[in-house]
């Protein structure tokens, strides 16, 4: 199977560090050339599903601008320039929850939008997460509350669509599958 080829690219809009829009000229596997293919370049990010020593899921209940109402959420954030994904995951877990883990499971790296970019997500499961900083305060813009859920409670939350962001749905589902294999 042949891959798509990028023949040229030019930046048409930039708002660093959050967004760059590009126009690409691409060649499809059948040789057809498409001009002005829109590419959306956003920073790569990490999503961390944290599980404590009692195998309970540490989950935020919060609001997000792009999601009406209240949603359940894992830890997450952008990877800083030059930062390895696992280091970003560890930083985010400490910043957002005040937790550390010495048991990290790499759940994979995935594209967010199959044809338009939008950054890659690096997914992690942080097992045996322990609170080490009681004063940790996230710099996130939303209000949030920490919930501690059993695996069955998290599964029920997924089933009832209490997780409104698909990347978070995927992270929680992968973590539940991984936990179920043990």
N, C-alpha and C. Protein backbone atom coordinates (compact mmCIF):
# COMPACT_ATOMS: atom_id res chain seq x y z
N UNK A 1 0.85 -1.17 0.00
CA UNK A 1 0.00 0.00 0.00
C UNK A 1 0.90 1.24 0.00
N UNK A 2 0.60 2.18 -0.87
CA UNK A 2 1.38 3.42 -0.96
C UNK A 2 0.87 4.44 0.06
N UNK A 3 1.77 5.31 0.48
CA UNK A 3 1.44 6.37 1.43
C UNK A 3 1.19 7.69 0.70
N UNK A 4 0.50 8.59 1.35
CA UNK A 4 0.34 9.95 0.83
C UNK A 4 1.70 10.64 0.90
N UNK A 5 1.97 11.56 -0.04
CA UNK A 5 3.22 12.31 -0.04
C UNK A 5 2.93 13.80 0.08
N UNK A 6 3.73 14.47 0.89
CA UNK A 6 3.65 15.93 0.98
C UNK A 6 4.63 16.49 -0.04
N UNK A 7 4.11 17.22 -1.03
CA UNK A 7 4.95 17.80 -2.07
C UNK A 7 5.44 19.19 -1.67
N UNK A 8 4.60 19.95 -0.98
CA UNK A 8 5.01 21.27 -0.50
C UNK A 8 4.09 21.67 0.65
N UNK A 9 4.55 22.65 1.41
CA UNK A 9 3.76 23.17 2.52
C UNK A 9 4.11 24.63 2.73
N UNK A 10 3.11 25.41 3.14
CA UNK A 10 3.37 26.80 3.51
C UNK A 10 2.46 27.17 4.67
N UNK A 11 2.99 27.96 5.57
CA UNK A 11 2.23 28.43 6.73
C UNK A 11 1.32 29.56 6.28
N UNK A 12 0.04 29.48 6.64
CA UNK A 12 -0.92 30.52 6.29
C UNK A 12 -1.42 31.29 7.52
N UNK A 13 -1.22 30.72 8.71
CA UNK A 13 -1.59 31.39 9.96
C UNK A 13 -0.79 30.77 11.08
N UNK A 14 -0.36 31.62 12.03
CA UNK A 14 0.41 31.10 13.16
C UNK A 14 0.06 31.88 14.42
N UNK A 15 -0.20 31.17 15.49
CA UNK A 15 -0.44 31.75 16.81
C UNK A 15 0.31 30.87 17.81
N UNK A 16 1.63 31.05 17.87
CA UNK A 16 2.48 30.22 18.72
C UNK A 16 2.19 30.48 20.19
N UNK A 17 2.25 29.48 21.03
CA UNK A 17 2.64 28.10 20.73
C UNK A 17 1.46 27.19 20.44
N UNK A 18 0.27 27.75 20.25
CA UNK A 18 -0.94 26.94 20.23
C UNK A 18 -1.35 26.41 18.87
N UNK A 19 -1.06 27.15 17.80
CA UNK A 19 -1.66 26.77 16.53
C UNK A 19 -0.85 27.29 15.34
N UNK A 20 -0.73 26.44 14.35
CA UNK A 20 -0.18 26.85 13.05
C UNK A 20 -1.04 26.15 11.99
N UNK A 21 -1.56 26.93 11.05
CA UNK A 21 -2.30 26.37 9.93
C UNK A 21 -1.40 26.38 8.71
N UNK A 22 -1.41 25.28 7.98
CA UNK A 22 -0.59 25.17 6.78
C UNK A 22 -1.46 24.75 5.60
N UNK A 23 -1.03 25.12 4.42
CA UNK A 23 -1.58 24.58 3.18
C UNK A 23 -0.55 23.63 2.62
N UNK A 24 -0.97 22.41 2.36
CA UNK A 24 -0.08 21.41 1.78
C UNK A 24 -0.52 21.10 0.36
N UNK A 25 0.45 20.77 -0.44
CA UNK A 25 0.16 20.14 -1.73
C UNK A 25 0.54 18.67 -1.52
N UNK A 26 -0.44 17.79 -1.73
CA UNK A 26 -0.18 16.38 -1.46
C UNK A 26 -0.46 15.53 -2.69
N UNK A 27 0.24 14.41 -2.73
CA UNK A 27 0.00 13.43 -3.79
C UNK A 27 -0.59 12.18 -3.15
N UNK A 28 -1.75 11.78 -3.65
CA UNK A 28 -2.42 10.59 -3.16
C UNK A 28 -1.74 9.34 -3.72
N UNK A 29 -1.96 8.19 -3.14
CA UNK A 29 -1.34 6.96 -3.63
C UNK A 29 -1.62 6.66 -5.11
N UNK A 30 -2.76 7.14 -5.63
CA UNK A 30 -3.08 6.90 -7.04
C UNK A 30 -2.45 7.92 -7.98
N UNK A 31 -1.63 8.85 -7.43
CA UNK A 31 -0.95 9.86 -8.23
C UNK A 31 -1.68 11.18 -8.33
N UNK A 32 -2.90 11.25 -7.93
CA UNK A 32 -3.66 12.50 -7.96
C UNK A 32 -3.04 13.50 -7.00
N UNK A 33 -2.91 14.74 -7.44
CA UNK A 33 -2.33 15.82 -6.63
C UNK A 33 -3.44 16.74 -6.15
N UNK A 34 -3.44 17.01 -4.85
CA UNK A 34 -4.40 17.93 -4.26
C UNK A 34 -3.67 19.17 -3.77
N UNK A 35 -4.15 20.34 -4.19
CA UNK A 35 -3.59 21.61 -3.74
C UNK A 35 -4.39 22.12 -2.55
N UNK A 36 -3.79 22.98 -1.76
CA UNK A 36 -4.44 23.67 -0.65
C UNK A 36 -5.08 22.74 0.37
N UNK A 37 -4.41 21.62 0.65
CA UNK A 37 -4.88 20.71 1.69
C UNK A 37 -4.58 21.37 3.04
N UNK A 38 -5.59 21.56 3.86
CA UNK A 38 -5.43 22.26 5.13
C UNK A 38 -4.84 21.29 6.17
N UNK A 39 -3.76 21.75 6.81
CA UNK A 39 -3.11 20.99 7.88
C UNK A 39 -3.14 21.85 9.14
N UNK A 40 -3.56 21.25 10.25
CA UNK A 40 -3.67 21.96 11.53
C UNK A 40 -2.57 21.42 12.44
N UNK A 41 -1.65 22.29 12.80
CA UNK A 41 -0.52 21.87 13.64
C UNK A 41 -0.71 22.45 15.04
N UNK A 42 -0.98 21.56 15.99
CA UNK A 42 -1.07 21.94 17.39
C UNK A 42 -0.05 21.11 18.16
N UNK A 43 0.31 21.54 19.36
CA UNK A 43 1.35 20.81 20.11
C UNK A 43 0.91 19.37 20.43
N UNK A 44 1.89 18.48 20.47
CA UNK A 44 1.63 17.13 20.96
C UNK A 44 1.31 17.22 22.45
N UNK A 45 0.60 16.23 22.95
CA UNK A 45 0.12 16.28 24.32
C UNK A 45 0.22 14.91 24.98
N UNK A 46 0.08 14.92 26.31
CA UNK A 46 0.04 13.68 27.08
C UNK A 46 -1.32 13.59 27.78
N UNK A 47 -1.75 12.36 27.96
CA UNK A 47 -2.91 12.06 28.79
C UNK A 47 -2.48 10.97 29.76
N UNK A 48 -2.73 11.21 31.04
CA UNK A 48 -2.31 10.29 32.09
C UNK A 48 -3.53 9.82 32.87
N UNK A 49 -3.74 8.52 32.90
CA UNK A 49 -4.76 7.93 33.76
C UNK A 49 -4.03 7.46 35.01
N UNK A 50 -4.39 8.03 36.14
CA UNK A 50 -3.72 7.72 37.40
C UNK A 50 -4.55 6.74 38.21
N UNK A 51 -3.86 5.73 38.74
CA UNK A 51 -4.48 4.71 39.58
C UNK A 51 -3.69 4.65 40.87
N UNK A 52 -4.39 4.71 42.01
CA UNK A 52 -3.69 4.70 43.30
C UNK A 52 -3.31 3.27 43.71
N UNK A 53 -2.72 3.15 44.89
CA UNK A 53 -2.24 1.85 45.37
C UNK A 53 -3.37 0.86 45.64
N UNK A 54 -4.60 1.36 45.80
CA UNK A 54 -5.76 0.49 46.00
C UNK A 54 -6.48 0.19 44.68
N UNK A 55 -5.82 0.53 43.57
CA UNK A 55 -6.33 0.31 42.21
C UNK A 55 -7.60 1.10 41.94
N UNK A 56 -7.69 2.29 42.56
CA UNK A 56 -8.80 3.21 42.30
C UNK A 56 -8.32 4.28 41.32
N UNK A 57 -9.21 4.73 40.47
CA UNK A 57 -8.88 5.72 39.45
C UNK A 57 -9.05 7.12 40.01
N UNK A 58 -8.02 7.94 39.84
CA UNK A 58 -8.04 9.34 40.26
C UNK A 58 -8.49 10.16 39.06
N UNK A 59 -9.66 10.76 39.17
CA UNK A 59 -10.34 11.39 38.03
C UNK A 59 -10.81 12.77 38.42
N UNK A 60 -10.65 13.73 37.52
CA UNK A 60 -11.19 15.06 37.76
C UNK A 60 -12.62 15.14 37.24
N UNK A 61 -13.46 15.85 37.97
CA UNK A 61 -14.74 16.29 37.45
C UNK A 61 -14.55 17.78 37.20
N UNK A 62 -14.82 18.23 35.96
CA UNK A 62 -14.49 19.60 35.62
C UNK A 62 -15.32 20.10 34.45
N UNK A 63 -15.10 21.37 34.14
CA UNK A 63 -15.70 21.97 32.96
C UNK A 63 -14.61 22.25 31.94
N UNK A 64 -14.99 22.26 30.69
CA UNK A 64 -14.09 22.63 29.59
C UNK A 64 -14.86 23.51 28.63
N UNK A 65 -14.20 24.48 28.05
CA UNK A 65 -14.84 25.43 27.15
C UNK A 65 -15.49 24.74 25.96
N UNK A 66 -14.83 23.73 25.39
CA UNK A 66 -15.34 23.05 24.19
C UNK A 66 -16.41 22.01 24.50
N UNK A 67 -16.69 21.77 25.75
CA UNK A 67 -17.63 20.72 26.12
C UNK A 67 -18.71 21.30 27.03
N UNK A 68 -19.95 21.28 26.56
CA UNK A 68 -21.01 21.81 27.42
C UNK A 68 -21.20 20.93 28.65
N UNK A 69 -21.42 21.56 29.76
CA UNK A 69 -21.67 20.82 30.99
C UNK A 69 -20.41 20.35 31.67
N UNK A 70 -20.59 19.37 32.53
CA UNK A 70 -19.50 18.84 33.36
C UNK A 70 -19.03 17.53 32.75
N UNK A 71 -17.72 17.31 32.77
CA UNK A 71 -17.13 16.10 32.23
C UNK A 71 -16.15 15.50 33.24
N UNK A 72 -15.91 14.23 33.13
CA UNK A 72 -14.82 13.59 33.87
C UNK A 72 -13.58 13.67 33.02
N UNK A 73 -12.42 13.80 33.65
CA UNK A 73 -11.18 14.03 32.91
C UNK A 73 -9.99 13.37 33.61
N UNK A 74 -9.03 12.91 32.80
CA UNK A 74 -7.76 12.47 33.35
C UNK A 74 -6.81 13.67 33.45
N UNK A 75 -5.61 13.42 33.88
CA UNK A 75 -4.54 14.42 33.86
C UNK A 75 -4.10 14.57 32.41
N UNK A 76 -3.72 15.77 32.03
CA UNK A 76 -3.22 15.94 30.67
C UNK A 76 -2.65 17.31 30.45
N UNK A 77 -1.91 17.44 29.36
CA UNK A 77 -1.35 18.74 29.01
C UNK A 77 -0.40 18.62 27.84
N UNK A 78 0.04 19.78 27.38
CA UNK A 78 0.96 19.83 26.24
C UNK A 78 2.37 19.44 26.63
N UNK A 79 3.06 18.84 25.69
CA UNK A 79 4.47 18.52 25.85
C UNK A 79 5.26 19.78 25.53
N UNK A 80 6.17 20.16 26.42
CA UNK A 80 6.99 21.34 26.22
C UNK A 80 8.08 21.06 25.18
N UNK A 81 8.54 22.09 24.46
CA UNK A 81 9.61 21.89 23.47
C UNK A 81 10.82 21.20 24.11
N UNK A 82 11.30 20.13 23.48
CA UNK A 82 12.45 19.38 23.97
C UNK A 82 12.15 18.39 25.07
N UNK A 83 10.92 18.31 25.52
CA UNK A 83 10.53 17.43 26.62
C UNK A 83 10.10 16.07 26.07
N UNK A 84 10.56 15.01 26.69
CA UNK A 84 10.13 13.66 26.31
C UNK A 84 8.70 13.45 26.80
N UNK A 85 7.89 12.68 26.06
CA UNK A 85 6.50 12.47 26.48
C UNK A 85 6.35 11.93 27.91
N UNK A 86 7.16 10.96 28.31
CA UNK A 86 7.04 10.43 29.67
C UNK A 86 7.38 11.50 30.71
N UNK A 87 8.38 12.31 30.43
CA UNK A 87 8.72 13.40 31.36
C UNK A 87 7.55 14.39 31.47
N UNK A 88 6.90 14.67 30.36
CA UNK A 88 5.73 15.56 30.38
C UNK A 88 4.61 14.93 31.21
N UNK A 89 4.41 13.62 31.06
CA UNK A 89 3.38 12.93 31.82
C UNK A 89 3.66 13.01 33.32
N UNK A 90 4.90 12.79 33.69
CA UNK A 90 5.27 12.87 35.11
C UNK A 90 5.08 14.29 35.64
N UNK A 91 5.47 15.28 34.85
CA UNK A 91 5.31 16.68 35.25
C UNK A 91 3.83 17.02 35.43
N UNK A 92 3.01 16.63 34.48
CA UNK A 92 1.58 16.94 34.55
C UNK A 92 0.91 16.27 35.75
N UNK A 93 1.28 15.01 36.03
CA UNK A 93 0.70 14.31 37.18
C UNK A 93 1.04 15.03 38.48
N UNK A 94 2.27 15.50 38.59
CA UNK A 94 2.68 16.22 39.79
C UNK A 94 2.00 17.59 39.87
N UNK A 95 1.99 18.32 38.75
CA UNK A 95 1.39 19.66 38.74
C UNK A 95 -0.11 19.63 39.01
N UNK A 96 -0.81 18.71 38.37
CA UNK A 96 -2.27 18.73 38.44
C UNK A 96 -2.84 17.99 39.65
N UNK A 97 -2.18 16.90 40.06
CA UNK A 97 -2.72 16.12 41.18
C UNK A 97 -1.82 16.08 42.40
N UNK A 98 -0.58 16.55 42.25
CA UNK A 98 0.36 16.46 43.36
C UNK A 98 0.80 15.03 43.60
N UNK A 99 0.77 14.20 42.56
CA UNK A 99 1.10 12.77 42.69
C UNK A 99 2.34 12.40 41.90
N UNK A 100 2.98 11.33 42.36
CA UNK A 100 4.10 10.70 41.65
C UNK A 100 3.78 9.22 41.51
N UNK A 101 4.43 8.63 40.52
CA UNK A 101 4.32 7.19 40.31
C UNK A 101 5.67 6.66 39.84
N UNK A 102 6.02 5.48 40.29
CA UNK A 102 7.22 4.80 39.81
C UNK A 102 6.85 3.64 38.88
N UNK A 103 5.56 3.54 38.53
CA UNK A 103 5.10 2.43 37.71
C UNK A 103 4.28 2.98 36.54
N UNK A 104 4.98 3.21 35.42
CA UNK A 104 4.37 3.84 34.26
C UNK A 104 4.17 2.82 33.14
N UNK A 105 2.99 2.81 32.56
CA UNK A 105 2.68 1.96 31.43
C UNK A 105 2.42 2.87 30.23
N UNK A 106 3.16 2.65 29.16
CA UNK A 106 2.96 3.40 27.91
C UNK A 106 1.80 2.75 27.16
N UNK A 107 0.71 3.48 27.01
CA UNK A 107 -0.47 2.95 26.32
C UNK A 107 -0.46 3.24 24.82
N UNK A 108 0.49 4.05 24.36
CA UNK A 108 0.63 4.30 22.93
C UNK A 108 0.59 5.77 22.57
N UNK A 109 0.93 6.01 21.31
CA UNK A 109 0.91 7.35 20.72
C UNK A 109 -0.06 7.30 19.54
N UNK A 110 -0.98 8.26 19.48
CA UNK A 110 -2.04 8.21 18.48
C UNK A 110 -2.29 9.57 17.85
N UNK A 111 -2.63 9.54 16.56
CA UNK A 111 -3.04 10.75 15.86
C UNK A 111 -4.41 11.16 16.38
N UNK A 112 -4.65 12.44 16.39
CA UNK A 112 -5.94 12.96 16.85
C UNK A 112 -6.91 13.10 15.68
N UNK A 113 -6.42 13.54 14.55
CA UNK A 113 -7.24 13.73 13.35
C UNK A 113 -6.51 13.06 12.20
N UNK A 114 -7.10 12.07 11.62
CA UNK A 114 -6.42 11.21 10.64
C UNK A 114 -5.92 11.96 9.40
N UNK A 115 -6.57 13.02 9.00
CA UNK A 115 -6.18 13.71 7.77
C UNK A 115 -5.77 15.16 7.94
N UNK A 116 -5.92 15.71 9.13
CA UNK A 116 -5.68 17.16 9.28
C UNK A 116 -4.67 17.51 10.36
N UNK A 117 -4.06 16.54 11.00
CA UNK A 117 -3.05 16.85 12.01
C UNK A 117 -3.61 16.94 13.41
N UNK A 118 -3.51 18.11 14.01
CA UNK A 118 -4.00 18.38 15.36
C UNK A 118 -3.16 17.78 16.46
N UNK A 119 -1.92 17.49 16.25
CA UNK A 119 -1.04 16.98 17.30
C UNK A 119 -1.28 15.52 17.61
N UNK A 120 -0.26 14.90 18.15
CA UNK A 120 -0.35 13.50 18.57
C UNK A 120 -0.53 13.44 20.07
N UNK A 121 -1.26 12.43 20.50
CA UNK A 121 -1.45 12.21 21.92
C UNK A 121 -0.63 11.02 22.39
N UNK A 122 0.07 11.20 23.48
CA UNK A 122 0.85 10.13 24.12
C UNK A 122 0.09 9.75 25.39
N UNK A 123 -0.33 8.50 25.46
CA UNK A 123 -1.21 8.03 26.53
C UNK A 123 -0.42 7.17 27.51
N UNK A 124 -0.65 7.43 28.81
CA UNK A 124 0.07 6.70 29.86
C UNK A 124 -0.89 6.29 30.97
N UNK A 125 -0.54 5.18 31.61
CA UNK A 125 -1.20 4.73 32.83
C UNK A 125 -0.16 4.84 33.94
N UNK A 126 -0.47 5.62 34.96
CA UNK A 126 0.41 5.79 36.12
C UNK A 126 -0.16 4.96 37.25
N UNK A 127 0.48 3.82 37.51
CA UNK A 127 -0.01 2.91 38.55
C UNK A 127 0.63 3.25 39.89
N UNK A 128 -0.07 2.91 40.97
CA UNK A 128 0.41 3.17 42.32
C UNK A 128 0.74 4.64 42.56
N UNK A 129 -0.08 5.52 42.00
CA UNK A 129 0.13 6.96 42.16
C UNK A 129 -0.05 7.32 43.63
N UNK A 130 0.90 8.10 44.13
CA UNK A 130 0.88 8.50 45.54
C UNK A 130 0.93 10.02 45.63
N UNK A 131 0.13 10.55 46.55
CA UNK A 131 0.11 11.99 46.79
C UNK A 131 1.42 12.37 47.48
N UNK A 132 2.15 13.31 46.91
CA UNK A 132 3.41 13.77 47.50
C UNK A 132 3.39 15.27 47.76
N UNK A 133 2.42 15.97 47.18
CA UNK A 133 2.34 17.42 47.35
C UNK A 133 0.88 17.79 47.62
N UNK A 134 0.57 18.07 48.87
CA UNK A 134 -0.80 18.41 49.25
C UNK A 134 -1.21 19.80 48.77
N UNK A 135 -0.23 20.62 48.38
CA UNK A 135 -0.54 21.98 47.97
C UNK A 135 -0.54 22.16 46.47
N UNK A 136 -0.43 21.07 45.71
CA UNK A 136 -0.40 21.18 44.25
C UNK A 136 -1.66 21.88 43.76
N UNK A 137 -1.45 22.86 42.91
CA UNK A 137 -2.56 23.61 42.34
C UNK A 137 -2.34 23.66 40.83
N UNK A 138 -3.29 23.13 40.11
CA UNK A 138 -3.20 23.13 38.66
C UNK A 138 -3.33 24.56 38.14
N UNK A 139 -2.63 24.85 37.05
CA UNK A 139 -2.78 26.16 36.42
C UNK A 139 -3.84 26.11 35.33
N UNK A 140 -4.63 25.03 35.31
CA UNK A 140 -5.70 24.92 34.33
C UNK A 140 -6.73 26.01 34.58
N UNK A 141 -7.50 26.31 33.56
CA UNK A 141 -8.45 27.41 33.62
C UNK A 141 -9.81 27.00 34.17
N UNK A 142 -10.06 25.71 34.26
CA UNK A 142 -11.37 25.25 34.68
C UNK A 142 -11.41 24.96 36.18
N UNK A 143 -12.63 24.96 36.69
CA UNK A 143 -12.83 24.47 38.04
C UNK A 143 -12.80 22.96 37.98
N UNK A 144 -12.26 22.34 39.01
CA UNK A 144 -12.25 20.88 39.01
C UNK A 144 -12.24 20.34 40.42
N UNK A 145 -12.74 19.12 40.53
CA UNK A 145 -12.78 18.41 41.79
C UNK A 145 -12.23 17.00 41.55
N UNK A 146 -11.41 16.53 42.47
CA UNK A 146 -10.85 15.19 42.35
C UNK A 146 -11.84 14.15 42.86
N UNK A 147 -12.09 13.13 42.04
CA UNK A 147 -12.93 12.01 42.42
C UNK A 147 -12.07 10.75 42.46
N UNK A 148 -12.43 9.82 43.30
CA UNK A 148 -11.74 8.53 43.36
C UNK A 148 -12.78 7.47 43.02
N UNK A 149 -12.56 6.80 41.87
CA UNK A 149 -13.54 5.85 41.35
C UNK A 149 -12.97 4.45 41.26
N UNK A 150 -13.81 3.47 41.53
CA UNK A 150 -13.43 2.08 41.27
C UNK A 150 -13.47 1.85 39.76
N UNK A 151 -12.93 0.73 39.32
CA UNK A 151 -12.97 0.40 37.89
C UNK A 151 -14.41 0.31 37.40
N UNK A 152 -15.30 -0.27 38.19
CA UNK A 152 -16.70 -0.40 37.76
C UNK A 152 -17.38 0.97 37.71
N UNK A 153 -17.04 1.86 38.62
CA UNK A 153 -17.61 3.21 38.58
C UNK A 153 -17.12 3.99 37.36
N UNK A 154 -15.84 3.82 37.03
CA UNK A 154 -15.31 4.48 35.84
C UNK A 154 -15.96 3.91 34.58
N UNK A 155 -16.12 2.60 34.53
CA UNK A 155 -16.78 1.98 33.37
C UNK A 155 -18.21 2.50 33.23
N UNK A 156 -18.92 2.61 34.34
CA UNK A 156 -20.28 3.15 34.30
C UNK A 156 -20.29 4.59 33.81
N UNK A 157 -19.31 5.38 34.23
CA UNK A 157 -19.21 6.77 33.77
C UNK A 157 -18.99 6.82 32.26
N UNK A 158 -18.15 5.92 31.73
CA UNK A 158 -17.96 5.86 30.28
C UNK A 158 -19.25 5.45 29.59
N UNK A 159 -19.92 4.45 30.13
CA UNK A 159 -21.17 3.97 29.54
C UNK A 159 -22.25 5.05 29.52
N UNK A 160 -22.23 5.93 30.51
CA UNK A 160 -23.24 6.99 30.62
C UNK A 160 -22.79 8.30 29.96
N UNK A 161 -21.69 8.25 29.23
CA UNK A 161 -21.16 9.42 28.51
C UNK A 161 -20.84 10.59 29.44
N UNK A 162 -20.31 10.28 30.61
CA UNK A 162 -19.88 11.34 31.53
C UNK A 162 -18.51 11.88 31.17
N UNK A 163 -17.83 11.22 30.23
CA UNK A 163 -16.54 11.69 29.72
C UNK A 163 -16.82 12.26 28.33
N UNK A 164 -16.76 13.58 28.19
CA UNK A 164 -17.25 14.26 26.99
C UNK A 164 -16.19 14.46 25.89
N UNK A 165 -14.94 14.14 26.17
CA UNK A 165 -13.85 14.35 25.21
C UNK A 165 -13.36 12.99 24.74
N UNK A 166 -13.33 12.75 23.44
CA UNK A 166 -13.05 11.41 22.92
C UNK A 166 -11.64 10.93 23.26
N UNK A 167 -10.66 11.82 23.29
CA UNK A 167 -9.31 11.38 23.66
C UNK A 167 -9.28 10.90 25.11
N UNK A 168 -10.08 11.50 25.96
CA UNK A 168 -10.16 11.06 27.35
C UNK A 168 -10.91 9.75 27.46
N UNK A 169 -11.98 9.60 26.68
CA UNK A 169 -12.70 8.32 26.62
C UNK A 169 -11.71 7.21 26.27
N UNK A 170 -10.91 7.46 25.24
CA UNK A 170 -9.95 6.45 24.78
C UNK A 170 -8.94 6.12 25.87
N UNK A 171 -8.42 7.13 26.54
CA UNK A 171 -7.43 6.91 27.60
C UNK A 171 -8.01 6.06 28.72
N UNK A 172 -9.19 6.43 29.19
CA UNK A 172 -9.81 5.67 30.27
C UNK A 172 -10.11 4.23 29.83
N UNK A 173 -10.62 4.08 28.61
CA UNK A 173 -10.95 2.73 28.12
C UNK A 173 -9.69 1.86 28.01
N UNK A 174 -8.60 2.43 27.49
CA UNK A 174 -7.35 1.67 27.40
C UNK A 174 -6.83 1.29 28.78
N UNK A 175 -6.94 2.21 29.73
CA UNK A 175 -6.48 1.93 31.10
C UNK A 175 -7.32 0.82 31.73
N UNK A 176 -8.63 0.88 31.54
CA UNK A 176 -9.50 -0.17 32.08
C UNK A 176 -9.17 -1.53 31.46
N UNK A 177 -8.94 -1.54 30.16
CA UNK A 177 -8.55 -2.80 29.50
C UNK A 177 -7.25 -3.33 30.06
N UNK A 178 -6.29 -2.45 30.26
CA UNK A 178 -4.98 -2.87 30.79
C UNK A 178 -5.14 -3.41 32.20
N UNK A 179 -5.92 -2.72 33.03
CA UNK A 179 -6.13 -3.17 34.40
C UNK A 179 -6.83 -4.54 34.42
N UNK A 180 -7.75 -4.76 33.47
CA UNK A 180 -8.48 -6.01 33.41
C UNK A 180 -7.62 -7.20 33.00
N UNK A 181 -6.48 -6.94 32.39
CA UNK A 181 -5.58 -8.01 31.94
C UNK A 181 -4.73 -8.55 33.07
N UNK A 182 -4.68 -7.83 34.16
CA UNK A 182 -3.78 -8.25 35.26
C UNK A 182 -4.45 -9.21 36.21
